[in-house]
Each structure stands twice: as C-alpha cells, then as structure tokens.
C-alpha cells in the first residue's frame, strides 16, 4: 500500500482571459469512445466538464488549443500501446462534443509532450500567455508531460482535476501530486474557475 501525500484543491481560481490559454489534451475517439483502440474508461465522464471549460474560454476570448495525438504506420509507440490515433482515421479525430471552431489551434503531436517538436510555445509567447488551464487525457501521460514541459518553461499550470482522466486511480493521484508539488501548479475544479472581468474606464 502506497500513501499519496496530501495536496489541496484551490476553492476559487481567477484567470485573466487575455493572458491565459485553455489546452485540451487528446480528447480523441481512440481514447474517449468505448470503441476506441486505447479507451480510457473515465474519459467520457470528463466531456461535460471540458465542454464547460471550452464554453467559458470561448465566451471570454481565451486562446484555445486542442492537442491531437498523431501517429503513422510503424510508429515506435505502437509496441508500447498498440496501434492508435492513426492520422486521418476516425480514432484520430477529436470527439464530436468538443469539435474545434475556426481560429482555434489544432496541434498534432507525435509524443506525450505537446511542446516537443511543435510550435506550441511559439504560439503562446506570441499572445503573451502566462497561465495554462490544462485538461483532457491521459492524466499521467500526455496531460502530465505537457504540464511538466509547460512548468519547465515557466508557464503557470492550472489543472482542473475533474476535467482529466487516467487509466488507473493511482496514476491520477501521482500525476496530481507532481503538478502540485514539483511544478507548483494550481489544482482546482472546473466550477472553481472564474474569468476576471475586464477593467472599464
């Protein structure tokens, strides 16, 4: 039996939409749909929570990023996980309930970390982004390594824990602990997030 050290959830988090971005990690059919090739059983329950975050981001003008796990035949990840998210297939597509809109960044990525080999940091710096609200699947893999990479670049990570899913409860708790302790990220819930009202003259 391993005991996870305690971490706290912030009861209220205010974000500035001008300097914040929502990153939705790998909410694709192969992970979220029961018929997907690498189905995460807890992922479907997070879709309404992520949808709420997406609506909040869109209504406030936040920058929105969808990462899209992307592989091709013979990918070296397949011996680890099996074939999944082949480019152009149904399993590779983002789930219908979270379809991106025109102007939102769809970011194909080849590894767990959404910064590795992609223009993500460039796009965030161009917009003066400092705070990243990160959600999606899998909590201990692509969400975790994206959050880690963000923190190493001195972005502030905000993780709504009820908008992430993992393959095992231990993985979820370990990833949350790392985000809170090692990355000094803010753990919270979807309902605790508030958008700062613009200052008026």
C-alpha atoms as a PDB file:
ATOM      1  CA  UNK A   1       0.000   0.000   0.000  1.00  0.00           C
ATOM      2  CA  UNK A   2       1.388   3.391  -1.062  1.00  0.00           C
ATOM      3  CA  UNK A   3       0.057   6.548   0.524  1.00  0.00           C
ATOM      4  CA  UNK A   4      -0.130   9.599  -1.716  1.00  0.00           C
ATOM      5  CA  UNK A   5       0.967  12.752   0.105  1.00  0.00           C
ATOM      6  CA  UNK A   6      -1.824  15.255   0.500  1.00  0.00           C
ATOM      7  CA  UNK A   7      -2.354  18.073  -1.945  1.00  0.00           C
ATOM      8  CA  UNK A   8      -5.003  20.761  -1.884  1.00  0.00           C
ATOM      9  CA  UNK A   9      -7.564  21.997  -4.391  1.00  0.00           C
ATOM     10  CA  UNK A  10      -7.949  25.744  -4.700  1.00  0.00           C
ATOM     11  CA  UNK A  11     -11.591  26.642  -3.901  1.00  0.00           C
ATOM     12  CA  UNK A  12     -11.541  29.605  -6.285  1.00  0.00           C
ATOM     13  CA  UNK A  13      -9.185  30.486  -9.148  1.00  0.00           C
ATOM     14  CA  UNK A  14      -9.464  33.712 -11.126  1.00  0.00           C
ATOM     15  CA  UNK A  15      -7.878  33.840 -14.558  1.00  0.00           C
ATOM     16  CA  UNK A  16      -7.283  36.701 -16.954  1.00  0.00           C
ATOM     17  CA  UNK A  17      -8.527  35.617 -20.400  1.00  0.00           C
ATOM     18  CA  UNK A  18      -6.026  37.930 -22.087  1.00  0.00           C
ATOM     19  CA  UNK A  19      -3.032  36.068 -20.659  1.00  0.00           C
ATOM     20  CA  UNK A  20      -4.493  32.579 -20.274  1.00  0.00           C
ATOM     21  CA  UNK A  21      -4.989  29.667 -22.635  1.00  0.00           C
ATOM     22  CA  UNK A  22      -7.072  26.504 -22.450  1.00  0.00           C
ATOM     23  CA  UNK A  23      -5.225  23.394 -23.608  1.00  0.00           C
ATOM     24  CA  UNK A  24      -7.462  20.377 -24.245  1.00  0.00           C
ATOM     25  CA  UNK A  25      -5.258  17.304 -24.454  1.00  0.00           C
ATOM     26  CA  UNK A  26      -6.025  14.381 -26.780  1.00  0.00           C
ATOM     27  CA  UNK A  27      -9.804  14.173 -26.434  1.00  0.00           C
ATOM     28  CA  UNK A  28      -9.931  11.872 -29.441  1.00  0.00           C
ATOM     29  CA  UNK A  29     -12.173   8.948 -30.309  1.00  0.00           C
ATOM     30  CA  UNK A  30      -9.482   6.339 -29.726  1.00  0.00           C
ATOM     31  CA  UNK A  31      -9.184   7.481 -26.095  1.00  0.00           C
ATOM     32  CA  UNK A  32     -12.697   8.709 -25.280  1.00  0.00           C
ATOM     33  CA  UNK A  33     -15.084   6.468 -27.205  1.00  0.00           C
ATOM     34  CA  UNK A  34     -15.739   2.915 -25.898  1.00  0.00           C
ATOM     35  CA  UNK A  35     -14.913   1.566 -29.352  1.00  0.00           C
ATOM     36  CA  UNK A  36     -11.601   3.421 -29.424  1.00  0.00           C
ATOM     37  CA  UNK A  37      -8.346   1.499 -29.671  1.00  0.00           C
ATOM     38  CA  UNK A  38      -6.946   2.851 -26.385  1.00  0.00           C
ATOM     39  CA  UNK A  39     -10.136   3.622 -24.467  1.00  0.00           C
ATOM     40  CA  UNK A  40      -9.770   5.386 -21.113  1.00  0.00           C
ATOM     41  CA  UNK A  41     -12.865   4.310 -19.123  1.00  0.00           C
ATOM     42  CA  UNK A  42     -13.101   7.542 -17.114  1.00  0.00           C
ATOM     43  CA  UNK A  43     -12.674   9.837 -20.123  1.00  0.00           C
ATOM     44  CA  UNK A  44     -16.339  10.069 -21.267  1.00  0.00           C
ATOM     45  CA  UNK A  45     -17.380  11.442 -17.857  1.00  0.00           C
ATOM     46  CA  UNK A  46     -14.990  14.372 -18.296  1.00  0.00           C
ATOM     47  CA  UNK A  47     -16.508  15.534 -21.584  1.00  0.00           C
ATOM     48  CA  UNK A  48     -19.251  17.723 -19.969  1.00  0.00           C
ATOM     49  CA  UNK A  49     -16.655  19.291 -17.652  1.00  0.00           C
ATOM     50  CA  UNK A  50     -14.295  20.015 -20.513  1.00  0.00           C
ATOM     51  CA  UNK A  51     -17.194  21.369 -22.535  1.00  0.00           C
ATOM     52  CA  UNK A  52     -17.913  23.798 -19.696  1.00  0.00           C
ATOM     53  CA  UNK A  53     -14.294  24.963 -19.759  1.00  0.00           C
ATOM     54  CA  UNK A  54     -14.462  25.322 -23.531  1.00  0.00           C
ATOM     55  CA  UNK A  55     -17.635  27.411 -23.346  1.00  0.00           C
ATOM     56  CA  UNK A  56     -16.028  29.623 -20.695  1.00  0.00           C
ATOM     57  CA  UNK A  57     -12.915  30.088 -22.810  1.00  0.00           C
ATOM     58  CA  UNK A  58     -14.862  30.883 -25.945  1.00  0.00           C
ATOM     59  CA  UNK A  59     -17.183  33.357 -24.256  1.00  0.00           C
ATOM     60  CA  UNK A  60     -14.254  35.225 -22.691  1.00  0.00           C
ATOM     61  CA  UNK A  61     -11.956  35.234 -25.714  1.00  0.00           C
ATOM     62  CA  UNK A  62      -9.295  32.924 -24.306  1.00  0.00           C
ATOM     63  CA  UNK A  63      -6.871  31.251 -26.665  1.00  0.00           C
ATOM     64  CA  UNK A  64      -7.911  27.608 -27.155  1.00  0.00           C
ATOM     65  CA  UNK A  65      -5.589  24.766 -28.130  1.00  0.00           C
ATOM     66  CA  UNK A  66      -6.590  21.187 -28.968  1.00  0.00           C
ATOM     67  CA  UNK A  67      -3.738  18.706 -28.980  1.00  0.00           C
ATOM     68  CA  UNK A  68      -4.160  15.739 -31.291  1.00  0.00           C
ATOM     69  CA  UNK A  69      -2.113  12.619 -30.747  1.00  0.00           C
ATOM     70  CA  UNK A  70      -0.928  11.750 -34.253  1.00  0.00           C
ATOM     71  CA  UNK A  71       0.768   8.606 -35.497  1.00  0.00           C
ATOM     72  CA  UNK A  72       1.637   6.867 -38.756  1.00  0.00           C
ATOM     73  CA  UNK A  73       2.138   3.182 -39.627  1.00  0.00           C
ATOM     74  CA  UNK A  74       5.144   1.707 -37.858  1.00  0.00           C
ATOM     75  CA  UNK A  75       5.263   4.377 -35.151  1.00  0.00           C
ATOM     76  CA  UNK A  76       7.708   3.412 -32.352  1.00  0.00           C
ATOM     77  CA  UNK A  77       4.978   3.997 -29.751  1.00  0.00           C
ATOM     78  CA  UNK A  78       2.909   1.090 -31.074  1.00  0.00           C
ATOM     79  CA  UNK A  79       4.959  -1.655 -29.345  1.00  0.00           C
ATOM     80  CA  UNK A  80       4.160   0.140 -26.070  1.00  0.00           C
ATOM     81  CA  UNK A  81       0.461   0.955 -26.527  1.00  0.00           C
ATOM     82  CA  UNK A  82      -0.668  -0.806 -29.651  1.00  0.00           C
ATOM     83  CA  UNK A  83      -1.762   0.984 -32.802  1.00  0.00           C
ATOM     84  CA  UNK A  84      -3.823   4.109 -32.045  1.00  0.00           C
ATOM     85  CA  UNK A  85      -4.608   7.580 -33.373  1.00  0.00           C
ATOM     86  CA  UNK A  86      -3.515   6.873 -36.928  1.00  0.00           C
ATOM     87  CA  UNK A  87      -3.642  10.154 -38.844  1.00  0.00           C
ATOM     88  CA  UNK A  88      -6.816  10.506 -40.875  1.00  0.00           C
ATOM     89  CA  UNK A  89      -8.778   7.746 -39.128  1.00  0.00           C
ATOM     90  CA  UNK A  90     -11.941   8.015 -37.025  1.00  0.00           C
ATOM     91  CA  UNK A  91      -9.950   7.215 -33.883  1.00  0.00           C
ATOM     92  CA  UNK A  92      -7.626  10.167 -34.542  1.00  0.00           C
ATOM     93  CA  UNK A  93     -10.481  12.689 -34.707  1.00  0.00           C
ATOM     94  CA  UNK A  94     -11.440  14.891 -31.767  1.00  0.00           C
ATOM     95  CA  UNK A  95     -14.758  13.797 -30.248  1.00  0.00           C
ATOM     96  CA  UNK A  96     -17.885  15.409 -31.674  1.00  0.00           C
ATOM     97  CA  UNK A  97     -18.921  17.084 -28.397  1.00  0.00           C
ATOM     98  CA  UNK A  98     -15.679  19.079 -28.341  1.00  0.00           C
ATOM     99  CA  UNK A  99     -15.213  19.907 -32.003  1.00  0.00           C
ATOM    100  CA  UNK A 100     -12.807  22.813 -32.570  1.00  0.00           C
ATOM    101  CA  UNK A 101     -14.028  26.017 -34.135  1.00  0.00           C
ATOM    102  CA  UNK A 102     -12.326  28.024 -36.838  1.00  0.00           C
ATOM    103  CA  UNK A 103      -9.482  30.029 -35.351  1.00  0.00           C
ATOM    104  CA  UNK A 104      -8.760  27.568 -32.543  1.00  0.00           C
ATOM    105  CA  UNK A 105      -5.383  25.872 -32.735  1.00  0.00           C
ATOM    106  CA  UNK A 106      -5.368  22.156 -33.537  1.00  0.00           C
ATOM    107  CA  UNK A 107      -1.922  20.894 -32.637  1.00  0.00           C
ATOM    108  CA  UNK A 108      -0.841  17.482 -33.963  1.00  0.00           C
ATOM    109  CA  UNK A 109       1.814  15.964 -31.710  1.00  0.00           C
ATOM    110  CA  UNK A 110       3.960  12.842 -32.052  1.00  0.00           C
ATOM    111  CA  UNK A 111       4.860  12.244 -28.399  1.00  0.00           C
ATOM    112  CA  UNK A 112       3.290  12.685 -24.967  1.00  0.00           C
ATOM    113  CA  UNK A 113       4.572  16.245 -24.514  1.00  0.00           C
ATOM    114  CA  UNK A 114       2.607  18.815 -26.552  1.00  0.00           C
ATOM    115  CA  UNK A 115       5.650  21.124 -26.631  1.00  0.00           C
ATOM    116  CA  UNK A 116       8.010  18.522 -28.101  1.00  0.00           C
ATOM    117  CA  UNK A 117       8.561  19.126 -31.809  1.00  0.00           C
ATOM    118  CA  UNK A 118       5.582  21.512 -32.097  1.00  0.00           C
ATOM    119  CA  UNK A 119       5.119  25.313 -32.341  1.00  0.00           C
ATOM    120  CA  UNK A 120       3.068  25.442 -29.127  1.00  0.00           C
ATOM    121  CA  UNK A 121       5.483  27.599 -27.124  1.00  0.00           C
ATOM    122  CA  UNK A 122       5.853  29.999 -30.050  1.00  0.00           C
ATOM    123  CA  UNK A 123       2.072  30.409 -30.355  1.00  0.00           C
ATOM    124  CA  UNK A 124       1.703  31.025 -26.617  1.00  0.00           C
ATOM    125  CA  UNK A 125       4.545  33.564 -26.447  1.00  0.00           C
ATOM    126  CA  UNK A 126       3.157  35.464 -29.434  1.00  0.00           C
ATOM    127  CA  UNK A 127      -0.046  36.036 -27.477  1.00  0.00           C
ATOM    128  CA  UNK A 128       1.565  36.914 -24.164  1.00  0.00           C
ATOM    129  CA  UNK A 129       0.134  33.826 -22.467  1.00  0.00           C
ATOM    130  CA  UNK A 130       1.316  33.121 -18.919  1.00  0.00           C
ATOM    131  CA  UNK A 131      -1.324  30.811 -17.429  1.00  0.00           C
ATOM    132  CA  UNK A 132      -2.306  27.464 -18.927  1.00  0.00           C
ATOM    133  CA  UNK A 133      -5.511  25.669 -17.994  1.00  0.00           C
ATOM    134  CA  UNK A 134      -4.723  22.076 -18.961  1.00  0.00           C
ATOM    135  CA  UNK A 135      -7.322  19.299 -19.152  1.00  0.00           C
ATOM    136  CA  UNK A 136      -8.021  16.090 -21.071  1.00  0.00           C
ATOM    137  CA  UNK A 137      -6.493  12.610 -21.123  1.00  0.00           C
ATOM    138  CA  UNK A 138      -4.406  10.749 -20.083  1.00  0.00           C
ATOM    139  CA  UNK A 139      -3.679  12.429 -16.726  1.00  0.00           C
ATOM    140  CA  UNK A 140      -0.389  10.637 -16.054  1.00  0.00           C
ATOM    141  CA  UNK A 141       0.842  10.622 -19.632  1.00  0.00           C
ATOM    142  CA  UNK A 142       0.036  13.348 -22.166  1.00  0.00           C
ATOM    143  CA  UNK A 143      -1.590  15.732 -19.689  1.00  0.00           C
ATOM    144  CA  UNK A 144       1.247  15.192 -17.219  1.00  0.00           C
ATOM    145  CA  UNK A 145       4.112  15.621 -19.667  1.00  0.00           C
ATOM    146  CA  UNK A 146       2.515  18.667 -21.243  1.00  0.00           C
ATOM    147  CA  UNK A 147       2.062  20.214 -17.789  1.00  0.00           C
ATOM    148  CA  UNK A 148       5.658  19.350 -16.887  1.00  0.00           C
ATOM    149  CA  UNK A 149       7.005  20.865 -20.072  1.00  0.00           C
ATOM    150  CA  UNK A 150       4.907  23.989 -19.532  1.00  0.00           C
ATOM    151  CA  UNK A 151       6.190  24.391 -15.978  1.00  0.00           C
ATOM    152  CA  UNK A 152       9.802  23.960 -17.113  1.00  0.00           C
ATOM    153  CA  UNK A 153       9.181  26.906 -19.440  1.00  0.00           C
ATOM    154  CA  UNK A 154       7.814  28.946 -16.503  1.00  0.00           C
ATOM    155  CA  UNK A 155       4.179  28.904 -17.542  1.00  0.00           C
ATOM    156  CA  UNK A 156       1.798  28.666 -14.595  1.00  0.00           C
ATOM    157  CA  UNK A 157      -0.166  25.429 -14.812  1.00  0.00           C
ATOM    158  CA  UNK A 158      -3.800  25.295 -13.659  1.00  0.00           C
ATOM    159  CA  UNK A 159      -5.190  21.774 -13.575  1.00  0.00           C
ATOM    160  CA  UNK A 160      -8.944  21.194 -13.083  1.00  0.00           C
ATOM    161  CA  UNK A 161      -8.753  17.653 -11.741  1.00  0.00           C
ATOM    162  CA  UNK A 162     -12.362  16.796 -12.602  1.00  0.00           C
ATOM    163  CA  UNK A 163     -11.616  17.536 -16.258  1.00  0.00           C
ATOM    164  CA  UNK A 164      -8.837  14.950 -16.538  1.00  0.00           C
ATOM    165  CA  UNK A 165      -8.944  11.165 -16.699  1.00  0.00           C
ATOM    166  CA  UNK A 166      -6.450   8.379 -16.139  1.00  0.00           C
ATOM    167  CA  UNK A 167      -6.137   4.661 -16.808  1.00  0.00           C
ATOM    168  CA  UNK A 168      -5.838   3.960 -13.062  1.00  0.00           C
ATOM    169  CA  UNK A 169      -6.665   5.945  -9.883  1.00  0.00           C
ATOM    170  CA  UNK A 170      -3.036   5.659  -8.723  1.00  0.00           C
ATOM    171  CA  UNK A 171      -1.857   7.306 -11.941  1.00  0.00           C
ATOM    172  CA  UNK A 172      -4.277  10.181 -11.416  1.00  0.00           C
ATOM    173  CA  UNK A 173      -3.196  10.794  -7.832  1.00  0.00           C
ATOM    174  CA  UNK A 174       0.518  10.556  -8.611  1.00  0.00           C
ATOM    175  CA  UNK A 175       0.194  12.997 -11.527  1.00  0.00           C
ATOM    176  CA  UNK A 176      -1.834  15.456  -9.456  1.00  0.00           C
ATOM    177  CA  UNK A 177       0.739  15.308  -6.650  1.00  0.00           C
ATOM    178  CA  UNK A 178       3.570  16.047  -9.077  1.00  0.00           C
ATOM    179  CA  UNK A 179       1.733  19.007 -10.571  1.00  0.00           C
ATOM    180  CA  UNK A 180       1.033  20.476  -7.147  1.00  0.00           C
ATOM    181  CA  UNK A 181       4.390  19.746  -5.518  1.00  0.00           C
ATOM    182  CA  UNK A 182       7.071  19.675  -8.190  1.00  0.00           C
ATOM    183  CA  UNK A 183       5.611  22.092 -10.744  1.00  0.00           C
ATOM    184  CA  UNK A 184       3.926  24.387  -8.179  1.00  0.00           C
ATOM    185  CA  UNK A 185       0.803  24.245 -10.301  1.00  0.00           C
ATOM    186  CA  UNK A 186      -2.670  25.120  -9.081  1.00  0.00           C
ATOM    187  CA  UNK A 187      -5.050  22.192  -8.696  1.00  0.00           C
ATOM    188  CA  UNK A 188      -8.726  23.039  -8.677  1.00  0.00           C
ATOM    189  CA  UNK A 189     -12.094  22.059 -10.157  1.00  0.00           C
ATOM    190  CA  UNK A 190     -13.993  23.278 -13.182  1.00  0.00           C
ATOM    191  CA  UNK A 191     -16.637  25.046 -11.100  1.00  0.00           C
ATOM    192  CA  UNK A 192     -13.979  26.920  -9.121  1.00  0.00           C
ATOM    193  CA  UNK A 193     -12.585  28.697 -12.187  1.00  0.00           C
ATOM    194  CA  UNK A 194     -13.592  32.317 -12.675  1.00  0.00           C
ATOM    195  CA  UNK A 195     -12.751  34.691 -15.502  1.00  0.00           C
ATOM    196  CA  UNK A 196     -11.559  38.124 -14.447  1.00  0.00           C
ATOM    197  CA  UNK A 197     -13.857  40.880 -15.675  1.00  0.00           C
ATOM    198  CA  UNK A 198     -12.192  43.453 -17.953  1.00  0.00           C
ATOM    199  CA  UNK A 199     -11.320  46.770 -16.329  1.00  0.00           C
ATOM    200  CA  UNK A 200     -13.505  49.562 -17.599  1.00  0.00           C
ATOM    201  CA  UNK A 201     -12.658  53.241 -17.540  1.00  0.00           C
END
